[in-house]
N, C-alpha and C. Protein backbone atom coordinates (compact mmCIF):
# COMPACT_ATOMS: atom_id res chain seq x y z
N UNK A 1 101.70 138.59 96.30
CA UNK A 1 101.52 137.45 95.42
C UNK A 1 102.19 136.23 96.06
N UNK A 2 101.51 135.12 96.03
CA UNK A 2 101.99 133.89 96.62
C UNK A 2 102.94 133.17 95.66
N UNK A 3 104.10 132.76 96.19
CA UNK A 3 105.03 132.01 95.35
C UNK A 3 104.56 130.56 95.24
N UNK A 4 105.13 129.84 94.30
CA UNK A 4 104.79 128.43 94.12
C UNK A 4 105.13 127.64 95.37
N UNK A 5 106.27 127.94 95.98
CA UNK A 5 106.71 127.25 97.20
C UNK A 5 105.69 127.47 98.33
N UNK A 6 105.25 128.71 98.49
CA UNK A 6 104.27 129.02 99.53
C UNK A 6 102.94 128.33 99.25
N UNK A 7 102.55 128.29 98.00
CA UNK A 7 101.30 127.62 97.63
C UNK A 7 101.39 126.13 97.92
N UNK A 8 102.54 125.52 97.62
CA UNK A 8 102.74 124.10 97.90
C UNK A 8 102.65 123.84 99.40
N UNK A 9 103.29 124.69 100.19
CA UNK A 9 103.26 124.52 101.65
C UNK A 9 101.83 124.65 102.17
N UNK A 10 101.07 125.59 101.65
CA UNK A 10 99.67 125.74 102.05
C UNK A 10 98.87 124.48 101.73
N UNK A 11 99.08 123.93 100.54
CA UNK A 11 98.37 122.72 100.15
C UNK A 11 98.78 121.54 101.03
N UNK A 12 100.07 121.44 101.33
CA UNK A 12 100.54 120.34 102.18
C UNK A 12 99.95 120.42 103.57
N UNK A 13 99.76 121.63 104.09
CA UNK A 13 99.17 121.80 105.41
C UNK A 13 97.73 121.28 105.47
N UNK A 14 97.07 121.22 104.33
CA UNK A 14 95.67 120.79 104.27
C UNK A 14 95.52 119.38 103.71
N UNK A 15 96.61 118.65 103.61
CA UNK A 15 96.61 117.34 102.97
C UNK A 15 96.85 116.24 104.00
N UNK A 16 96.16 115.10 103.87
CA UNK A 16 96.39 113.99 104.81
C UNK A 16 97.83 113.49 104.75
N UNK A 17 98.31 112.97 105.87
CA UNK A 17 99.71 112.54 105.98
C UNK A 17 100.11 111.50 104.94
N UNK A 18 99.21 110.56 104.62
CA UNK A 18 99.59 109.52 103.66
C UNK A 18 99.83 110.11 102.27
N UNK A 19 99.13 111.18 101.93
CA UNK A 19 99.36 111.84 100.64
C UNK A 19 100.66 112.64 100.70
N UNK A 20 100.91 113.29 101.82
CA UNK A 20 102.15 114.05 102.00
C UNK A 20 103.34 113.11 101.86
N UNK A 21 103.24 111.89 102.40
CA UNK A 21 104.32 110.90 102.28
C UNK A 21 104.58 110.56 100.81
N UNK A 22 103.51 110.39 100.03
CA UNK A 22 103.66 110.10 98.60
C UNK A 22 104.34 111.27 97.88
N UNK A 23 103.94 112.49 98.23
CA UNK A 23 104.54 113.67 97.61
C UNK A 23 106.03 113.75 97.97
N UNK A 24 106.36 113.48 99.23
CA UNK A 24 107.76 113.49 99.65
C UNK A 24 108.56 112.44 98.89
N UNK A 25 108.02 111.23 98.79
CA UNK A 25 108.71 110.17 98.05
C UNK A 25 108.96 110.58 96.60
N UNK A 26 107.96 111.18 95.99
CA UNK A 26 108.10 111.62 94.60
C UNK A 26 109.15 112.72 94.48
N UNK A 27 109.14 113.67 95.41
CA UNK A 27 110.12 114.76 95.39
C UNK A 27 111.54 114.21 95.54
N UNK A 28 111.74 113.27 96.45
CA UNK A 28 113.06 112.66 96.62
C UNK A 28 113.50 111.92 95.36
N UNK A 29 112.55 111.23 94.73
CA UNK A 29 112.83 110.53 93.49
C UNK A 29 113.30 111.51 92.41
N UNK A 30 112.59 112.61 92.26
CA UNK A 30 112.93 113.61 91.25
C UNK A 30 114.30 114.23 91.55
N UNK A 31 114.59 114.51 92.81
CA UNK A 31 115.88 115.10 93.17
C UNK A 31 117.04 114.16 92.83
N UNK A 32 116.88 112.88 93.14
CA UNK A 32 117.93 111.91 92.82
C UNK A 32 118.08 111.80 91.31
N UNK A 33 116.97 111.76 90.61
CA UNK A 33 117.01 111.65 89.15
C UNK A 33 117.71 112.86 88.52
N UNK A 34 117.41 114.04 89.01
CA UNK A 34 118.05 115.25 88.50
C UNK A 34 119.54 115.26 88.83
N UNK A 35 119.89 114.81 90.01
CA UNK A 35 121.30 114.74 90.40
C UNK A 35 122.07 113.85 89.44
N UNK A 36 121.49 112.70 89.11
CA UNK A 36 122.15 111.78 88.18
C UNK A 36 122.19 112.36 86.77
N UNK A 37 121.14 113.04 86.39
CA UNK A 37 121.10 113.62 85.05
C UNK A 37 122.16 114.68 84.89
N UNK A 38 122.38 115.48 85.91
CA UNK A 38 123.40 116.53 85.86
C UNK A 38 124.79 115.92 85.81
N UNK A 39 125.00 114.83 86.56
CA UNK A 39 126.33 114.22 86.63
C UNK A 39 126.69 113.43 85.37
N UNK A 40 125.69 112.92 84.68
CA UNK A 40 125.95 112.08 83.51
C UNK A 40 126.11 112.94 82.27
N UNK A 41 126.89 112.43 81.35
CA UNK A 41 126.99 113.07 80.04
C UNK A 41 125.80 112.61 79.22
N UNK A 42 125.49 113.32 78.15
CA UNK A 42 124.37 112.89 77.30
C UNK A 42 124.54 111.44 76.85
N UNK A 43 123.44 110.71 76.89
CA UNK A 43 123.46 109.29 76.53
C UNK A 43 123.09 109.13 75.07
N UNK A 44 123.90 108.36 74.35
CA UNK A 44 123.56 108.08 72.97
C UNK A 44 122.49 107.00 72.94
N UNK A 45 121.86 106.83 71.80
CA UNK A 45 120.78 105.86 71.68
C UNK A 45 121.25 104.44 72.00
N UNK A 46 122.44 104.06 71.59
CA UNK A 46 122.94 102.71 71.86
C UNK A 46 123.24 102.50 73.33
N UNK A 47 123.57 103.58 74.06
CA UNK A 47 123.85 103.47 75.49
C UNK A 47 122.58 103.42 76.32
N UNK A 48 121.45 103.87 75.77
CA UNK A 48 120.20 103.88 76.52
C UNK A 48 119.80 102.48 76.96
N UNK A 49 120.08 101.48 76.16
CA UNK A 49 119.69 100.12 76.51
C UNK A 49 120.53 99.56 77.65
N UNK A 50 121.65 100.18 77.96
CA UNK A 50 122.50 99.70 79.04
C UNK A 50 122.36 100.55 80.29
N UNK A 51 121.21 101.21 80.48
CA UNK A 51 121.02 102.08 81.64
C UNK A 51 120.59 101.32 82.89
N UNK A 52 120.53 100.01 82.85
CA UNK A 52 120.10 99.23 84.00
C UNK A 52 120.97 99.43 85.23
N UNK A 53 122.30 99.45 85.11
CA UNK A 53 123.10 99.67 86.33
C UNK A 53 122.76 100.97 87.05
N UNK A 54 122.51 102.06 86.31
CA UNK A 54 122.17 103.30 86.99
C UNK A 54 120.81 103.18 87.67
N UNK A 55 119.88 102.42 87.12
CA UNK A 55 118.60 102.18 87.77
C UNK A 55 118.82 101.40 89.06
N UNK A 56 119.65 100.37 89.01
CA UNK A 56 119.94 99.60 90.21
C UNK A 56 120.62 100.46 91.27
N UNK A 57 121.48 101.34 90.83
CA UNK A 57 122.13 102.26 91.75
C UNK A 57 121.09 103.17 92.41
N UNK A 58 120.14 103.63 91.63
CA UNK A 58 119.05 104.45 92.16
C UNK A 58 118.27 103.68 93.23
N UNK A 59 117.96 102.42 92.95
CA UNK A 59 117.23 101.60 93.92
C UNK A 59 118.05 101.43 95.20
N UNK A 60 119.35 101.22 95.06
CA UNK A 60 120.22 101.09 96.23
C UNK A 60 120.23 102.37 97.05
N UNK A 61 120.24 103.52 96.40
CA UNK A 61 120.23 104.79 97.11
C UNK A 61 118.93 104.98 97.89
N UNK A 62 117.82 104.63 97.26
CA UNK A 62 116.53 104.74 97.94
C UNK A 62 116.48 103.74 99.10
N UNK A 63 116.94 102.51 98.87
CA UNK A 63 116.93 101.48 99.91
C UNK A 63 117.79 101.89 101.10
N UNK A 64 118.87 102.58 100.84
CA UNK A 64 119.77 103.00 101.92
C UNK A 64 119.11 104.02 102.85
N UNK A 65 118.07 104.67 102.39
CA UNK A 65 117.37 105.66 103.21
C UNK A 65 116.42 105.00 104.21
N UNK A 66 116.13 103.72 104.02
CA UNK A 66 115.21 103.00 104.92
C UNK A 66 116.03 102.46 106.09
N UNK A 67 115.63 102.78 107.32
CA UNK A 67 116.38 102.28 108.48
C UNK A 67 116.38 100.75 108.54
N UNK A 68 117.46 100.20 109.09
CA UNK A 68 117.61 98.74 109.17
C UNK A 68 116.46 98.09 109.93
N UNK A 69 116.01 98.73 110.99
CA UNK A 69 114.91 98.14 111.78
C UNK A 69 113.62 98.04 110.98
N UNK A 70 113.43 98.90 109.99
CA UNK A 70 112.25 98.81 109.14
C UNK A 70 112.37 97.62 108.19
N UNK A 71 113.57 97.38 107.65
CA UNK A 71 113.79 96.22 106.78
C UNK A 71 113.53 94.93 107.56
N UNK A 72 113.91 94.91 108.85
CA UNK A 72 113.74 93.71 109.67
C UNK A 72 112.28 93.39 109.95
N UNK A 73 111.40 94.37 109.80
CA UNK A 73 109.97 94.14 110.03
C UNK A 73 109.32 93.37 108.88
N UNK A 74 109.96 93.34 107.71
CA UNK A 74 109.39 92.64 106.56
C UNK A 74 109.42 91.13 106.79
N UNK A 75 108.39 90.42 106.36
CA UNK A 75 108.40 88.96 106.49
C UNK A 75 109.55 88.35 105.69
N UNK A 76 110.15 87.31 106.22
CA UNK A 76 111.29 86.66 105.56
C UNK A 76 110.88 86.00 104.24
N UNK A 77 109.60 85.63 104.12
CA UNK A 77 109.13 84.96 102.91
C UNK A 77 108.32 85.91 102.01
N UNK A 78 108.58 87.20 102.10
CA UNK A 78 107.81 88.19 101.35
C UNK A 78 107.86 87.95 99.84
N UNK A 79 109.03 87.69 99.30
CA UNK A 79 109.13 87.52 97.85
C UNK A 79 108.37 86.28 97.38
N UNK A 80 108.35 85.26 98.21
CA UNK A 80 107.67 84.02 97.83
C UNK A 80 106.15 84.13 98.03
N UNK A 81 105.73 84.91 99.01
CA UNK A 81 104.31 84.99 99.36
C UNK A 81 103.75 86.41 99.24
N UNK A 82 104.23 87.16 98.27
CA UNK A 82 103.77 88.54 98.11
C UNK A 82 102.25 88.61 97.92
N UNK A 83 101.66 87.67 97.18
CA UNK A 83 100.21 87.67 96.97
C UNK A 83 99.46 87.42 98.29
N UNK A 84 100.04 86.64 99.15
CA UNK A 84 99.42 86.39 100.46
C UNK A 84 99.40 87.69 101.27
N UNK A 85 100.54 88.40 101.31
CA UNK A 85 100.63 89.60 102.12
C UNK A 85 99.86 90.77 101.53
N UNK A 86 99.74 90.83 100.21
CA UNK A 86 99.01 91.94 99.59
C UNK A 86 97.52 91.67 99.46
N UNK A 87 97.16 90.43 99.09
CA UNK A 87 95.77 90.15 98.73
C UNK A 87 95.11 89.06 99.57
N UNK A 88 95.85 88.43 100.48
CA UNK A 88 95.28 87.39 101.31
C UNK A 88 95.20 86.03 100.65
N UNK A 89 95.92 85.84 99.56
CA UNK A 89 95.93 84.53 98.89
C UNK A 89 96.55 83.49 99.85
N UNK A 90 96.28 82.21 99.63
CA UNK A 90 96.89 81.19 100.48
C UNK A 90 98.41 81.29 100.43
N UNK A 91 99.04 81.03 101.58
CA UNK A 91 100.49 81.09 101.67
C UNK A 91 101.13 79.91 100.96
N UNK A 92 102.24 80.18 100.27
CA UNK A 92 103.01 79.13 99.63
C UNK A 92 104.03 78.63 100.65
N UNK A 93 103.90 77.41 101.10
CA UNK A 93 104.76 76.87 102.17
C UNK A 93 105.95 76.08 101.64
N UNK A 94 106.16 76.05 100.35
CA UNK A 94 107.26 75.25 99.76
C UNK A 94 108.59 75.76 100.16
């Protein structure tokens, strides 16, 4: 009988690399989320609205996994011209 892990590996072997990358990203996301969930005490309803710092911490952890040379490849005006880089809209030169 095939285990779930073996079945996943078989599926990954037959999957295009770009999909495998998405699956890996999702798996890493879930692992970090579970790690935080285990470390945290139960959150009361009033504390749920103040969960932003832990979200920012999660983003920092994910960002730290990206090599510095990859960050340097991003355009310096990406935040200002995101529509240009994603959809080809005219560049904002302000």
